[in-house]
Structures are given as C-alpha cells and as structure tokens.
Amino acid sequence: MDCDKCGDEAVMHAAYSGLHLCAEHFCRTVETRVRRRVREDNLIPRSATPEDPETWVIGLSGGKDSVVLTQVLHDTFAEDPRIELVALSIHEGIEGYRDESLDACEQLTADLDVRHEVVSYAEEFGVRMDDVVEEDPEGMAACAYCGVFRRDALERYAEKLGAAKLFTGHNLDDEAQTALMNVFEGDVQQMANHYDASLGPFPEEDRDGNPVEDPVDPTERPRQPQDHHVPRAKPLRDVPEKEVALYAHLQDLPAHITECPHAEEAYRGEVQELLLGMEENHPGTRHSIMAGYEKLAALAASAFGAAEPADYGECGVCGAPTGREVCRKCDLLDALEAA
C-alpha cells in the first residue's frame, strides 16, 4: 500500500484512523502527538524562562517507551533554554536484564548529550530484585515489590535533582489498561488520584505567570497541586504501544525490547488481552476509553481529590510522604529483613 500523505511505500496502517503512512509521515505523527500533549497539558509554564528554567526528569528504563520519549523530548527541547532534561535510571538488581537495558540508556544519553543518573536498589534499600523474588515474604508477585521500590526511588531522586516534573513513558495501551482496571474495581478514589497525579492538565498561567481562573466545565478541570509528590507527566499516552515500538525501530534507537524475567501481573495481563481483542474488532477502542475515562476521572477528582493531600504525612521510618504511619516501602523492607 502507498502512503496516504505522499504516495511512498507505507510502513504501517492505523486501523483506528484508516491511514496508511510511510516511515517519514508515521514518525512525524508520533512526534506531533507527543508535542500536542505537551501543549494541551500545559507542561511548559509561562514562569519557565532562560534565567529560571524548569528541570524535567525522565524515568529512563532503556525500554522502547522511555527511549522514544527521551528522544522526542530531546529533539523538541534541546535548544529551548527554558527546559533542562535529566534522565534517571533505576537498577533493580536483575542479573543480565537490567545491565543490558542500562547499556541502552547510556548509549542514548551519550548520543543526545543528556545528563544521566543511575540509582540502584542495592545502594538505596540494601536489596536486589533477584533476591526479593526468592524470599518473597509477603507472597506477592515480583512486580508488586518492584513497583513500590521503583516509585520511591524515582520520586526521591527526582526531588533531589530539582525536578519540576517527572516524565514517564506510559503509552496509550498502558493508560487504557489502568483506566479499565480502575473501572472494573470500582475505585473512584483511585480515578481521582490518577487524574491529579498524572492525567489532568497543569493550571494555565497568564503572561505574568499568574494562575488563570479554572474553567466552568468540571471535566476540563486542571489537576490540583500535590505538594507531597513531584508532578508526573505522560506525553506518550496518545500513542499505541506497537507504534512506539515501530518508531524506535525506524529511528534505530538503542531500545532494549525484552520482557523482565520476573514480570508477572496476572490481572493487568487479563485486561491487556481483553483490550487487544476489543481493539482488533473495534478499532479506536483504546482512544475512546481514554477520552471518556479522563472526563470521569476529572469529575472524581472534583468530588474527592481536594481532600486527598490532607491525608499525607511523613513515614515514621524514612520520612517519605505517606498516608500511613509507616510507608509501604519500609513495610516491605522490614518484611524482607525478617525473612
């Protein structure tokens, strides 16, 4: 088939839009979607200036999503003095797997001349995921432990690096899966948290950097400040997973496309299979889910979000922000030490 834009040979067909695109026009659509999300989510405040730039920390795992995000953000903002990019990688202690993905991170950041910081579970928590999987004192999937430790490390080091925002490479499939899981579980509070933590746009500012009055429509409500966490941003969330992989391939990016040997998220896997089947039979399902979910999440945040930050205090062990006396990370570390 020929590209609908220029007549050259097409490399992909987007069933949800009907378009056939060549390599050049396909890559351009990915970049356009990421940049549009940056704009629509108000990620660059008017208060960011060359004299007082914002630091954006990118969670760079070396997988296709974070590599593509880093590349596009670099291509967009490398010459913009208002933005400083820093890549942050986490070494979980998974022999072979993480070493190879860190090689990809180092190659990419060296090619782009982007500052790159690496943090390890071994240094920060005194544990390695290979050992955690063997001990498993809580009887949980490896991803449950790793997710807690990863969030803590990303959050703390993003703060140390002076991040105004923490960027993650969540794609359309990731976000649609999370949306369905929250709906299936009836977790309205989590929908509200999801919106204020990473989905909602940042408040608009006028030319003087002052907040603009919120819109009347509650589904267009900006996210509320969360002083207890570095704000998250997900500019890749309009791009399907397969398109992210294709972009990485066409751009010859050093992505480590191998599944973690400890990956085991049964429930998310079921939702993923359901969503893939729906998308195959009804192209555009993922986009429709997110369009509706973001409005529902905005309404949930209007009802429940404002009260949520008040529940946060400090962990009695490590001082991290938490709604509990002792944060989940410290609970898990205590259980591992006792095992």
Protein backbone atom coordinates (compact mmCIF):
# COMPACT_ATOMS: atom_id res chain seq x y z
CA MET A 1 0.00 0.00 0.00
CA ASP A 2 1.03 3.61 -0.58
CA CYS A 3 1.27 6.38 1.99
CA ASP A 4 -1.90 8.48 2.07
CA LYS A 5 0.21 11.61 2.56
CA CYS A 6 2.83 11.34 -0.18
CA GLY A 7 2.41 8.14 -2.19
CA ASP A 8 5.63 6.49 -0.98
CA GLU A 9 5.55 2.92 0.31
CA ALA A 10 3.58 2.66 3.56
CA VAL A 11 5.15 1.02 6.60
CA MET A 12 2.01 0.90 8.74
CA HIS A 13 -1.76 1.03 8.66
CA ALA A 14 -3.57 2.65 11.59
CA ALA A 15 -6.92 0.83 11.65
CA TYR A 16 -8.40 3.36 14.10
CA SER A 17 -7.85 6.23 11.63
CA GLY A 18 -7.73 4.33 8.34
CA LEU A 19 -4.43 5.97 7.39
CA HIS A 20 -1.55 4.25 5.60
CA LEU A 21 1.72 6.04 6.34
CA CYS A 22 5.30 5.89 5.09
CA ALA A 23 8.20 5.93 7.56
CA GLU A 24 8.65 9.71 7.42
CA HIS A 25 5.00 10.60 7.88
CA PHE A 26 4.46 7.93 10.53
CA CYS A 27 7.38 9.23 12.63
CA ARG A 28 6.07 12.75 12.17
CA THR A 29 2.65 11.75 13.56
CA VAL A 30 4.25 10.24 16.68
CA GLU A 31 6.26 13.40 17.31
CA THR A 32 3.20 15.58 16.66
CA ARG A 33 1.10 13.66 19.19
CA VAL A 34 3.77 13.94 21.87
CA ARG A 35 4.22 17.68 21.28
CA ARG A 36 0.47 18.26 21.21
CA ARG A 37 0.15 16.50 24.56
CA VAL A 38 2.90 18.72 25.98
CA ARG A 39 0.94 21.74 24.79
CA GLU A 40 -2.54 20.57 25.83
CA ASP A 41 -1.34 19.52 29.29
CA ASN A 42 0.30 22.94 29.81
CA LEU A 43 3.60 21.28 30.68
CA ILE A 44 5.61 24.44 29.98
CA PRO A 45 4.52 27.20 32.36
CA ARG A 46 4.91 30.82 31.41
CA SER A 47 7.07 31.20 34.53
CA ALA A 48 9.79 28.99 32.95
CA THR A 49 12.43 31.31 31.49
CA PRO A 50 16.04 31.00 30.30
CA GLU A 51 17.03 32.65 33.58
CA ASP A 52 14.85 30.28 35.64
CA PRO A 53 14.38 27.06 33.60
CA GLU A 54 12.38 24.00 34.61
CA THR A 55 14.11 20.68 35.20
CA TRP A 56 12.32 17.73 33.64
CA VAL A 57 13.46 14.34 34.94
CA ILE A 58 12.71 11.43 32.59
CA GLY A 59 12.39 7.94 34.04
CA LEU A 60 14.62 6.14 31.51
CA SER A 61 14.50 2.34 31.75
CA GLY A 62 16.05 1.59 28.37
CA GLY A 63 12.81 0.05 27.08
CA LYS A 64 11.14 1.28 23.92
CA ASP A 65 8.70 3.67 25.62
CA SER A 66 11.15 5.64 27.74
CA VAL A 67 13.75 5.67 24.96
CA VAL A 68 11.27 7.08 22.43
CA LEU A 69 10.02 9.65 24.97
CA THR A 70 13.58 10.78 25.73
CA GLN A 71 14.43 11.07 22.04
CA VAL A 72 11.33 13.11 21.14
CA LEU A 73 11.66 15.41 24.17
CA HIS A 74 15.31 15.98 23.34
CA ASP A 75 14.56 16.71 19.70
CA THR A 76 11.88 19.16 20.80
CA PHE A 77 13.60 20.96 23.67
CA ALA A 78 17.36 20.56 23.20
CA GLU A 79 17.59 24.17 22.00
CA ASP A 80 14.95 25.53 24.39
CA PRO A 81 16.69 27.34 27.29
CA ARG A 82 13.52 27.14 29.40
CA ILE A 83 13.84 23.36 29.80
CA GLU A 84 16.64 21.18 31.22
CA LEU A 85 16.36 17.42 30.64
CA VAL A 86 17.82 14.84 33.04
CA ALA A 87 17.49 11.07 32.56
CA LEU A 88 17.09 8.92 35.68
CA SER A 89 17.53 5.13 35.50
CA ILE A 90 16.85 2.58 38.23
CA HIS A 91 18.90 -0.63 38.57
CA GLU A 92 16.66 -3.12 40.35
CA GLY A 93 19.25 -5.87 40.64
CA ILE A 94 18.00 -8.22 37.92
CA GLU A 95 21.06 -10.00 36.57
CA GLY A 96 21.56 -9.67 32.83
CA TYR A 97 18.27 -7.95 32.06
CA ARG A 98 18.86 -4.58 33.68
CA ASP A 99 22.55 -4.46 32.78
CA GLU A 100 21.65 -4.69 29.09
CA SER A 101 18.92 -2.06 29.33
CA LEU A 102 21.28 0.30 31.17
CA ASP A 103 23.73 -0.07 28.30
CA ALA A 104 20.93 1.20 26.03
CA CYS A 105 20.31 4.12 28.41
CA GLU A 106 23.97 5.06 28.45
CA GLN A 107 24.25 4.86 24.67
CA LEU A 108 21.17 7.03 24.15
CA THR A 109 22.08 9.70 26.68
CA ALA A 110 25.65 9.85 25.36
CA ASP A 111 24.37 10.26 21.79
CA LEU A 112 21.99 13.02 22.89
CA ASP A 113 24.35 14.62 25.42
CA VAL A 114 21.68 14.36 28.13
CA ARG A 115 22.68 14.15 31.79
CA HIS A 116 22.14 10.60 33.07
CA GLU A 117 21.85 9.48 36.70
CA VAL A 118 21.62 5.84 37.86
CA VAL A 119 20.22 4.66 41.20
CA SER A 120 20.26 1.05 42.40
CA TYR A 121 18.04 -0.83 44.83
CA ALA A 122 21.18 -2.36 46.33
CA GLU A 123 22.60 1.04 47.27
CA GLU A 124 19.31 2.63 48.30
CA PHE A 125 17.48 -0.23 50.01
CA GLY A 126 20.06 -2.95 50.50
CA VAL A 127 18.07 -5.40 48.35
CA ARG A 128 18.22 -6.86 44.83
CA MET A 129 15.08 -7.95 42.99
CA ASP A 130 16.62 -11.36 42.21
CA ASP A 131 16.88 -11.95 45.97
CA VAL A 132 13.46 -10.44 46.72
CA VAL A 133 11.82 -12.90 44.31
CA GLU A 134 13.46 -15.84 46.09
CA GLU A 135 12.49 -14.71 49.60
CA ASP A 136 9.01 -13.27 48.84
CA PRO A 137 7.93 -12.82 52.50
CA GLU A 138 4.58 -11.23 51.53
CA GLY A 139 3.60 -13.89 48.96
CA MET A 140 3.24 -11.25 46.22
CA ALA A 141 4.16 -11.03 42.56
CA ALA A 142 7.61 -9.59 41.89
CA CYS A 143 6.05 -6.55 40.20
CA ALA A 144 4.28 -5.61 43.43
CA TYR A 145 7.56 -5.27 45.32
CA CYS A 146 9.39 -3.68 42.42
CA GLY A 147 6.66 -1.11 41.78
CA VAL A 148 6.84 0.17 45.36
CA PHE A 149 10.64 0.40 45.36
CA ARG A 150 10.78 1.96 41.88
CA ARG A 151 8.21 4.66 42.70
CA ASP A 152 10.09 5.56 45.87
CA ALA A 153 13.47 5.77 44.12
CA LEU A 154 12.13 7.78 41.17
CA GLU A 155 10.28 10.16 43.48
CA ARG A 156 13.13 10.80 45.89
CA TYR A 157 15.80 11.27 43.23
CA ALA A 158 13.58 13.39 41.02
CA GLU A 159 13.18 15.67 44.02
CA LYS A 160 16.94 15.65 44.71
CA LEU A 161 17.57 16.59 41.08
CA GLY A 162 15.26 19.59 41.44
CA ALA A 163 12.59 18.22 39.11
CA ALA A 164 9.58 20.39 38.40
CA LYS A 165 8.03 17.36 36.68
CA LEU A 166 8.77 13.64 36.43
CA PHE A 167 8.18 12.18 32.96
CA THR A 168 7.34 8.53 32.38
CA GLY A 169 6.92 6.61 29.12
CA HIS A 170 3.39 5.28 29.63
CA ASN A 171 1.77 4.69 26.24
CA LEU A 172 -1.89 4.51 25.19
CA ASP A 173 -2.19 0.79 25.95
CA ASP A 174 -0.75 1.27 29.46
CA GLU A 175 -3.16 4.05 30.32
CA ALA A 176 -6.23 2.36 28.82
CA GLN A 177 -5.42 -0.78 30.84
CA THR A 178 -5.12 1.24 34.04
CA ALA A 179 -8.38 3.02 33.26
CA LEU A 180 -10.24 -0.26 32.78
CA MET A 181 -8.73 -1.75 35.94
CA ASN A 182 -9.91 1.23 37.99
CA VAL A 183 -13.40 0.99 36.48
CA PHE A 184 -13.63 -2.79 36.96
CA GLU A 185 -12.54 -2.39 40.59
CA GLY A 186 -14.97 0.48 41.14
CA ASP A 187 -12.12 2.52 42.62
CA VAL A 188 -13.39 6.08 42.28
CA GLN A 189 -10.78 7.46 44.68
CA GLN A 190 -8.02 5.95 42.57
CA MET A 191 -9.54 7.59 39.47
CA ALA A 192 -9.34 10.92 41.27
CA ASN A 193 -5.74 10.27 42.32
CA HIS A 194 -4.85 9.20 38.77
CA TYR A 195 -6.21 12.47 37.37
CA ASP A 196 -4.44 14.79 39.80
CA ALA A 197 -1.19 12.80 39.74
CA SER A 198 -0.63 12.45 36.01
CA LEU A 199 -3.63 12.84 33.67
CA GLY A 200 -5.04 16.29 34.26
CA PRO A 201 -3.55 19.36 32.57
CA PHE A 202 -1.49 21.72 34.67
CA PRO A 203 -3.19 25.02 35.55
CA GLU A 204 -2.92 27.69 32.87
CA GLU A 205 -0.97 30.87 33.57
CA ASP A 206 -1.37 34.36 32.17
CA ARG A 207 1.52 36.31 30.66
CA ASP A 208 2.66 37.35 34.13
CA GLY A 209 2.76 33.76 35.38
CA ASN A 210 -0.38 34.08 37.49
CA PRO A 211 -2.96 31.22 37.54
CA VAL A 212 -5.89 31.63 35.17
CA GLU A 213 -9.34 31.04 36.62
CA ASP A 214 -10.42 27.40 36.29
CA PRO A 215 -12.92 26.57 33.51
CA VAL A 216 -16.60 26.21 34.43
CA ASP A 217 -16.82 22.71 32.93
CA PRO A 218 -15.60 20.31 35.68
CA THR A 219 -14.43 17.76 33.09
CA GLU A 220 -11.86 20.34 31.95
CA ARG A 221 -10.64 20.98 35.48
CA PRO A 222 -6.83 21.26 35.81
CA ARG A 223 -5.04 18.96 38.20
CA GLN A 224 -4.62 20.19 41.74
CA PRO A 225 -1.13 20.69 43.20
CA GLN A 226 0.27 17.69 45.08
CA ASP A 227 2.95 19.04 47.36
CA HIS A 228 3.79 15.56 48.64
CA HIS A 229 4.91 14.26 45.21
CA VAL A 230 6.78 15.55 42.16
CA PRO A 231 4.08 16.03 39.48
CA ARG A 232 4.05 13.31 36.80
CA ALA A 233 3.69 13.83 33.06
CA LYS A 234 2.95 11.25 30.34
CA PRO A 235 3.26 12.86 26.89
CA LEU A 236 3.40 9.46 25.14
CA ARG A 237 -0.04 8.40 26.32
CA ASP A 238 -1.80 9.09 22.99
CA VAL A 239 0.48 6.69 21.08
CA PRO A 240 -0.34 2.93 20.91
CA GLU A 241 2.34 0.55 22.14
CA LYS A 242 3.01 -1.03 18.72
CA GLU A 243 3.51 2.41 17.20
CA VAL A 244 6.06 3.28 19.89
CA ALA A 245 7.95 0.08 19.03
CA LEU A 246 7.79 0.87 15.30
CA TYR A 247 9.09 4.40 15.89
CA ALA A 248 12.04 3.03 17.92
CA HIS A 249 12.80 0.60 15.08
CA LEU A 250 12.54 3.14 12.27
CA GLN A 251 14.70 5.65 14.15
CA ASP A 252 17.22 2.92 15.03
CA LEU A 253 17.08 3.83 18.71
CA PRO A 254 19.04 1.74 21.25
CA ALA A 255 15.96 0.28 22.95
CA HIS A 256 16.19 -2.94 24.97
CA ILE A 257 12.98 -4.70 23.92
CA THR A 258 12.94 -7.72 26.24
CA GLU A 259 10.39 -8.51 28.94
CA CYS A 260 11.60 -8.56 32.54
CA PRO A 261 12.19 -12.19 33.63
CA HIS A 262 10.24 -11.55 36.83
CA ALA A 263 7.23 -9.90 35.12
CA GLU A 264 4.01 -11.36 36.48
CA GLU A 265 0.94 -9.14 36.59
CA ALA A 266 -1.91 -11.58 36.08
CA TYR A 267 -4.80 -9.13 36.39
CA ARG A 268 -3.26 -6.50 34.13
CA GLY A 269 -2.44 -9.27 31.67
CA GLU A 270 -6.10 -10.28 31.52
CA VAL A 271 -7.15 -6.69 30.93
CA GLN A 272 -4.47 -6.34 28.26
CA GLU A 273 -5.78 -9.37 26.37
CA LEU A 274 -9.35 -8.11 26.63
CA LEU A 275 -8.35 -4.69 25.34
CA LEU A 276 -6.32 -6.08 22.44
CA GLY A 277 -9.29 -8.19 21.36
CA MET A 278 -11.66 -5.23 21.56
CA GLU A 279 -9.24 -3.04 19.60
CA GLU A 280 -8.89 -5.65 16.88
CA ASN A 281 -12.66 -5.98 16.48
CA HIS A 282 -13.47 -2.33 17.13
CA PRO A 283 -10.54 -0.07 16.11
CA GLY A 284 -10.35 3.07 18.22
CA THR A 285 -11.48 1.38 21.45
CA ARG A 286 -8.37 2.48 23.38
CA HIS A 287 -8.78 6.11 22.32
CA SER A 288 -12.49 6.06 23.23
CA ILE A 289 -11.78 4.55 26.65
CA MET A 290 -9.27 7.27 27.48
CA ALA A 291 -11.44 10.10 26.15
CA GLY A 292 -14.31 9.06 28.41
CA TYR A 293 -12.17 7.99 31.36
CA GLU A 294 -10.35 11.31 31.58
CA LYS A 295 -13.68 13.11 31.92
CA LEU A 296 -14.86 10.63 34.58
CA ALA A 297 -11.55 10.95 36.41
CA ALA A 298 -11.85 14.76 36.32
CA LEU A 299 -15.30 14.52 37.89
CA ALA A 300 -14.00 12.09 40.51
CA ALA A 301 -11.12 14.45 41.28
CA SER A 302 -13.56 17.36 41.67
CA ALA A 303 -15.51 15.30 44.21
CA PHE A 304 -12.70 13.52 46.05
CA GLY A 305 -9.35 14.93 45.00
CA ALA A 306 -9.23 18.06 47.12
CA ALA A 307 -9.40 16.13 50.39
CA GLU A 308 -6.72 13.57 49.47
CA PRO A 309 -3.50 15.56 50.06
CA ALA A 310 -4.52 16.39 53.63
CA ASP A 311 -4.22 12.70 54.50
CA TYR A 312 -0.50 12.74 53.79
CA GLY A 313 2.14 12.91 56.47
CA GLU A 314 5.66 11.56 56.80
CA CYS A 315 6.74 7.95 57.19
CA GLY A 316 7.90 7.33 60.76
CA VAL A 317 10.91 5.39 59.49
CA CYS A 318 12.24 7.14 56.36
CA GLY A 319 10.32 10.42 56.27
CA ALA A 320 8.81 9.81 52.85
CA PRO A 321 5.33 11.25 52.14
CA THR A 322 2.65 8.69 53.00
CA GLY A 323 -0.93 8.37 54.17
CA ARG A 324 0.20 5.68 56.66
CA GLU A 325 2.31 5.75 59.82
CA VAL A 326 4.96 3.70 58.01
CA CYS A 327 5.19 3.79 54.22
CA ARG A 328 4.70 0.66 52.13
CA LYS A 329 8.36 0.60 51.10
CA CYS A 330 9.54 0.45 54.71
CA ASP A 331 6.93 -2.23 55.47
CA LEU A 332 8.31 -4.39 52.67
CA LEU A 333 11.92 -3.80 53.61
CA ASP A 334 11.11 -4.80 57.19
CA ALA A 335 9.41 -7.99 55.98
CA LEU A 336 12.41 -8.84 53.78
CA GLU A 337 14.83 -8.28 56.64
CA ALA A 338 12.79 -10.59 58.87
CA ALA A 339 12.52 -13.33 56.22
